[in-house]
Protein backbone atom coordinates (compact mmCIF):
# COMPACT_ATOMS: atom_id res chain seq x y z
CA UNK A 1 -18.64 10.18 -4.42
CA UNK A 2 -16.37 9.43 -1.38
CA UNK A 3 -14.76 7.27 0.62
CA UNK A 4 -16.08 5.43 3.91
CA UNK A 5 -14.32 4.30 6.65
CA UNK A 6 -15.98 2.22 9.42
CA UNK A 7 -18.28 -0.49 7.81
CA UNK A 8 -19.44 -1.62 10.87
CA UNK A 9 -22.11 1.43 11.33
CA UNK A 10 -23.69 0.84 8.10
CA UNK A 11 -26.57 1.67 9.38
CA UNK A 12 -26.09 5.22 10.38
CA UNK A 13 -25.70 6.30 6.27
CA UNK A 14 -28.26 6.02 3.84
CA UNK A 15 -26.38 3.11 1.49
CA UNK A 16 -28.49 1.49 -1.18
CA UNK A 17 -29.57 -2.14 -1.02
CA UNK A 18 -26.72 -3.64 -3.16
CA UNK A 19 -24.35 -1.19 -1.14
CA UNK A 20 -25.63 -2.51 2.34
CA UNK A 21 -25.45 -6.09 1.11
CA UNK A 22 -21.69 -5.80 -0.45
CA UNK A 23 -20.76 -4.08 2.91
CA UNK A 24 -22.42 -6.98 4.81
CA UNK A 25 -21.15 -9.61 2.62
CA UNK A 26 -17.21 -8.31 2.80
CA UNK A 27 -17.46 -8.16 6.77
CA UNK A 28 -18.91 -11.74 7.03
CA UNK A 29 -15.78 -12.70 5.05
CA UNK A 30 -13.22 -10.78 6.89
CA UNK A 31 -15.00 -11.80 10.28
CA UNK A 32 -15.30 -15.70 9.87
CA UNK A 33 -13.61 -17.50 12.00
CA UNK A 34 -14.46 -20.89 10.56
CA UNK A 35 -13.55 -20.69 6.86
CA UNK A 36 -10.45 -18.26 7.18
CA UNK A 37 -9.95 -15.73 4.05
CA UNK A 38 -6.69 -16.73 3.04
CA UNK A 39 -4.97 -13.28 3.04
CA UNK A 40 -3.89 -12.47 6.57
CA UNK A 41 -3.00 -8.82 6.07
CA UNK A 42 -6.36 -7.95 4.84
CA UNK A 43 -7.66 -9.00 7.98
CA UNK A 44 -5.27 -7.04 9.75
CA UNK A 45 -6.37 -3.79 7.58
CA UNK A 46 -9.98 -4.98 8.54
CA UNK A 47 -9.62 -4.86 11.82
CA UNK A 48 -7.17 -2.20 12.62
CA UNK A 49 -9.95 0.13 10.98
CA UNK A 50 -7.51 0.68 8.07
CA UNK A 51 -9.45 0.06 4.98
CA UNK A 52 -11.15 2.73 3.07
CA UNK A 53 -14.20 1.54 0.78
CA UNK A 54 -15.96 2.91 -2.44
CA UNK A 55 -19.03 2.48 -4.49
CA UNK A 56 -18.95 2.58 -8.20
CA UNK A 57 -21.39 1.98 -10.75
CA UNK A 58 -21.49 -0.87 -13.45
CA UNK A 59 -18.37 -2.39 -15.11
CA UNK A 60 -19.22 -1.99 -18.20
CA UNK A 61 -19.56 1.61 -17.99
CA UNK A 62 -16.77 4.60 -19.07
CA UNK A 63 -18.64 6.55 -16.43
CA UNK A 64 -17.54 4.05 -13.82
CA UNK A 65 -13.76 3.92 -14.80
CA UNK A 66 -14.26 7.97 -14.01
CA UNK A 67 -15.74 7.33 -10.71
CA UNK A 68 -13.22 4.72 -9.86
CA UNK A 69 -10.22 7.27 -10.97
CA UNK A 70 -11.76 10.19 -8.89
CA UNK A 71 -11.80 7.70 -5.79
CA UNK A 72 -8.34 6.64 -6.15
CA UNK A 73 -6.95 9.76 -6.69
CA UNK A 74 -8.60 10.57 -3.59
CA UNK A 75 -7.46 7.45 -1.62
CA UNK A 76 -3.71 8.18 -3.53
CA UNK A 77 -3.33 11.36 -2.06
CA UNK A 78 -4.71 10.75 1.82
CA UNK A 79 -3.76 6.97 1.86
CA UNK A 80 -0.85 7.62 4.21
CA UNK A 81 -3.05 9.31 6.99
CA UNK A 82 -5.36 5.78 6.90
CA UNK A 83 -2.75 3.55 8.49
CA UNK A 84 0.31 1.75 7.89
CA UNK A 85 -2.11 -1.30 6.23
CA UNK A 86 -4.34 0.99 4.07
CA UNK A 87 -6.14 -0.55 1.12
CA UNK A 88 -8.81 0.95 -0.83
CA UNK A 89 -11.71 -1.72 -1.38
CA UNK A 90 -13.79 -0.75 -4.25
CA UNK A 91 -17.28 -2.38 -5.18
CA UNK A 92 -18.57 -2.32 -8.67
CA UNK A 93 -22.68 -2.33 -9.00
CA UNK A 94 -22.92 -5.46 -10.43
CA UNK A 95 -26.80 -6.57 -11.54
CA UNK A 96 -28.12 -10.19 -11.78
CA UNK A 97 -28.35 -10.17 -15.26
CA UNK A 98 -24.79 -9.08 -15.68
CA UNK A 99 -23.77 -11.93 -13.41
CA UNK A 100 -26.25 -14.54 -15.39
CA UNK A 101 -24.94 -13.86 -18.93
CA UNK A 102 -21.33 -13.26 -18.56
CA UNK A 103 -18.34 -16.02 -17.60
CA UNK A 104 -15.03 -15.42 -15.34
CA UNK A 105 -13.29 -14.46 -18.69
CA UNK A 106 -15.96 -11.47 -19.45
CA UNK A 107 -14.97 -10.29 -16.04
CA UNK A 108 -11.32 -10.60 -16.85
CA UNK A 109 -11.79 -8.39 -19.50
CA UNK A 110 -13.92 -5.56 -17.91
CA UNK A 111 -11.39 -5.45 -14.99
CA UNK A 112 -8.69 -4.58 -17.26
CA UNK A 113 -10.76 -2.80 -19.77
CA UNK A 114 -11.13 -0.60 -16.33
CA UNK A 115 -7.66 -0.37 -15.86
CA UNK A 116 -6.78 0.76 -19.29
CA UNK A 117 -9.33 3.47 -18.83
CA UNK A 118 -7.91 4.46 -15.24
CA UNK A 119 -4.48 5.03 -16.94
CA UNK A 120 -6.44 7.11 -19.50
CA UNK A 121 -7.51 9.41 -16.89
CA UNK A 122 -4.25 9.67 -14.84
CA UNK A 123 -3.41 13.11 -14.17
CA UNK A 124 0.33 12.47 -13.90
CA UNK A 125 2.87 10.49 -15.71
CA UNK A 126 4.02 6.94 -15.18
CA UNK A 127 6.64 6.94 -12.75
CA UNK A 128 9.96 6.78 -14.49
CA UNK A 129 11.58 3.79 -12.47
CA UNK A 130 8.75 1.61 -13.12
CA UNK A 131 8.96 -0.14 -16.45
CA UNK A 132 6.16 0.50 -19.00
CA UNK A 133 6.26 -3.47 -20.20
CA UNK A 134 4.29 -5.53 -17.74
CA UNK A 135 6.46 -8.72 -18.92
CA UNK A 136 9.29 -6.93 -16.57
CA UNK A 137 9.75 -8.09 -13.47
CA UNK A 138 9.68 -4.49 -11.49
CA UNK A 139 6.59 -3.80 -13.51
CA UNK A 140 3.47 -2.95 -11.65
CA UNK A 141 0.17 -1.07 -11.96
CA UNK A 142 0.76 3.00 -10.84
CA UNK A 143 -1.92 5.42 -10.54
CA UNK A 144 -1.35 9.37 -9.68
CA UNK A 145 2.37 8.48 -9.01
CA UNK A 146 1.70 5.41 -6.66
CA UNK A 147 2.49 2.14 -7.10
CA UNK A 148 -0.23 -0.48 -6.51
CA UNK A 149 -1.10 -3.75 -6.37
CA UNK A 150 -4.43 -5.11 -7.54
CA UNK A 151 -6.77 -7.74 -6.75
CA UNK A 152 -10.00 -8.76 -8.42
CA UNK A 153 -12.91 -10.70 -7.33
CA UNK A 154 -16.31 -11.37 -8.88
CA UNK A 155 -19.51 -13.34 -8.47
CA UNK A 156 -18.30 -15.80 -11.40
CA UNK A 157 -16.07 -17.46 -9.29
CA UNK A 158 -17.15 -20.86 -7.94
CA UNK A 159 -13.88 -22.91 -7.53
CA UNK A 160 -11.68 -20.09 -6.61
CA UNK A 161 -13.20 -19.38 -3.71
CA UNK A 162 -10.28 -16.82 -2.63
CA UNK A 163 -11.54 -14.72 -5.70
CA UNK A 164 -15.05 -14.72 -5.13
CA UNK A 165 -17.34 -11.87 -4.20
CA UNK A 166 -21.06 -11.28 -4.75
CA UNK A 167 -20.45 -8.07 -6.48
CA UNK A 168 -17.34 -7.44 -9.06
CA UNK A 169 -15.03 -6.13 -6.38
CA UNK A 170 -10.93 -4.76 -6.41
CA UNK A 171 -8.60 -4.36 -3.72
CA UNK A 172 -6.10 -1.61 -4.55
CA UNK A 173 -2.91 -1.99 -2.19
CA UNK A 174 0.07 0.87 -2.45
CA UNK A 175 3.27 -0.87 -2.78
CA UNK A 176 4.80 0.81 0.26
CA UNK A 177 1.85 -0.84 2.41
CA UNK A 178 3.18 -4.32 1.26
CA UNK A 179 6.62 -2.90 1.78
CA UNK A 180 5.91 -1.93 5.50
CA UNK A 181 4.57 -5.74 5.71
CA UNK A 182 7.64 -7.43 4.63
CA UNK A 183 9.94 -5.37 7.11
CA UNK A 184 10.29 -7.91 9.36
CA UNK A 185 11.74 -10.92 6.86
CA UNK A 186 11.36 -13.36 9.24
CA UNK A 187 7.43 -12.62 10.35
CA UNK A 188 7.07 -11.58 6.48
CA UNK A 189 7.96 -15.49 5.55
CA UNK A 190 5.93 -17.19 8.19
CA UNK A 191 2.77 -15.32 7.25
CA UNK A 192 3.12 -15.90 3.41
CA UNK A 193 3.60 -19.56 4.51
CA UNK A 194 0.30 -19.29 6.08
CA UNK A 195 -1.23 -17.51 3.87
CA UNK A 196 -0.30 -20.32 1.23
CA UNK A 197 -1.70 -23.14 3.41
CA UNK A 198 -5.00 -20.98 3.63
CA UNK A 199 -5.31 -20.87 0.16
CA UNK A 200 -4.83 -24.50 -0.05
CA UNK A 201 -7.77 -24.94 2.24
CA UNK A 202 -9.75 -21.89 0.90
CA UNK A 203 -9.75 -22.87 -2.45
CA UNK A 204 -11.61 -26.00 -4.07
CA UNK A 205 -8.55 -25.94 -6.76
CA UNK A 206 -4.74 -25.91 -6.76
CA UNK A 207 -2.73 -22.94 -6.18
CA UNK A 208 -2.33 -20.76 -9.05
CA UNK A 209 1.04 -21.02 -10.56
CA UNK A 210 1.11 -16.96 -11.17
CA UNK A 211 1.26 -15.88 -7.70
CA UNK A 212 4.58 -14.65 -6.51
CA UNK A 213 6.33 -12.13 -4.94
CA UNK A 214 7.32 -8.64 -6.48
CA UNK A 215 10.63 -8.44 -7.11
CA UNK A 216 11.80 -12.21 -8.03
CA UNK A 217 12.90 -12.63 -11.64
CA UNK A 218 10.49 -14.57 -12.49
CA UNK A 219 7.53 -12.79 -10.99
CA UNK A 220 4.63 -10.75 -13.36
CA UNK A 221 2.70 -8.70 -11.43
CA UNK A 222 -0.06 -8.47 -13.82
CA UNK A 223 -0.79 -12.10 -13.83
CA UNK A 224 -1.57 -12.02 -9.91
CA UNK A 225 -4.23 -9.21 -10.22
CA UNK A 226 -7.02 -11.41 -11.93
CA UNK A 227 -6.74 -15.22 -11.33
CA UNK A 228 -9.14 -17.49 -13.25
CA UNK A 229 -11.16 -20.14 -11.98
CA UNK A 230 -9.20 -22.70 -13.66
CA UNK A 231 -5.33 -22.72 -13.75
CA UNK A 232 -5.25 -20.77 -17.10
CA UNK A 233 -3.89 -17.42 -17.86
CA UNK A 234 -4.03 -14.83 -20.46
CA UNK A 235 -0.83 -15.19 -23.01
CA UNK A 236 0.32 -11.30 -22.38
CA UNK A 237 -1.02 -8.67 -20.58
CA UNK A 238 -3.99 -6.47 -22.10
CA UNK A 239 -2.96 -3.59 -20.41
CA UNK A 240 0.42 -2.87 -22.68
CA UNK A 241 -1.39 -1.69 -25.05
CA UNK A 242 -2.90 1.44 -23.28
CA UNK A 243 0.51 2.59 -22.25
CA UNK A 244 1.76 2.57 -25.63
CA UNK A 245 -1.54 4.43 -26.80
CA UNK A 246 -1.42 7.37 -24.20
CA UNK A 247 2.16 7.75 -25.03
CA UNK A 248 1.61 8.35 -28.85
């Protein structure tokens, strides 16, 4: 169980077939110059070699949560050494029978189950400056004392291509990385506009209303972590219960 850096050298490592397939699919998505992936910062991070990659088990397994916690802890401790645009990319082993028999909403529940389990395994307290209630606009997910933006993609997304991947996947980005990217306000505004335009071209559905910016009074970060393949959303954040349970 370890993190990997350079996925262009996959042939030098004895990966399992599904792991090789996931890496090649991810690389192809990042390097596609005709069908441009919307997230420009992700492509920059990929090109600079700042991304780190990890493989974990079946998304329904509690053991998988332990694996995720181990990799995210390692990433959190060392992320400042990986580059100013670093992000942790996590690939879940996602067998075909799971893909066939589950819906986008099922994967949504699995995603939140993993985040809830991850919180239970967190060795550090929730940062005191981050609200416990996800309905507050300054809330975001935290682990091992670090603030993170979470992104989930699944094999069941069809219309929202920006959230499609052949395996369940998470991209976990430290808040300080996003702050670094937003230091130049004019540049950040331009990139955000370009990202939104790319989303319109990339997806076969209108842009989800939940997309917003951290810190805005009308923003809810949790709603952006998992976007459904339509424009519906959960009425409340499933994660609140796990925070309350941990404090009891």
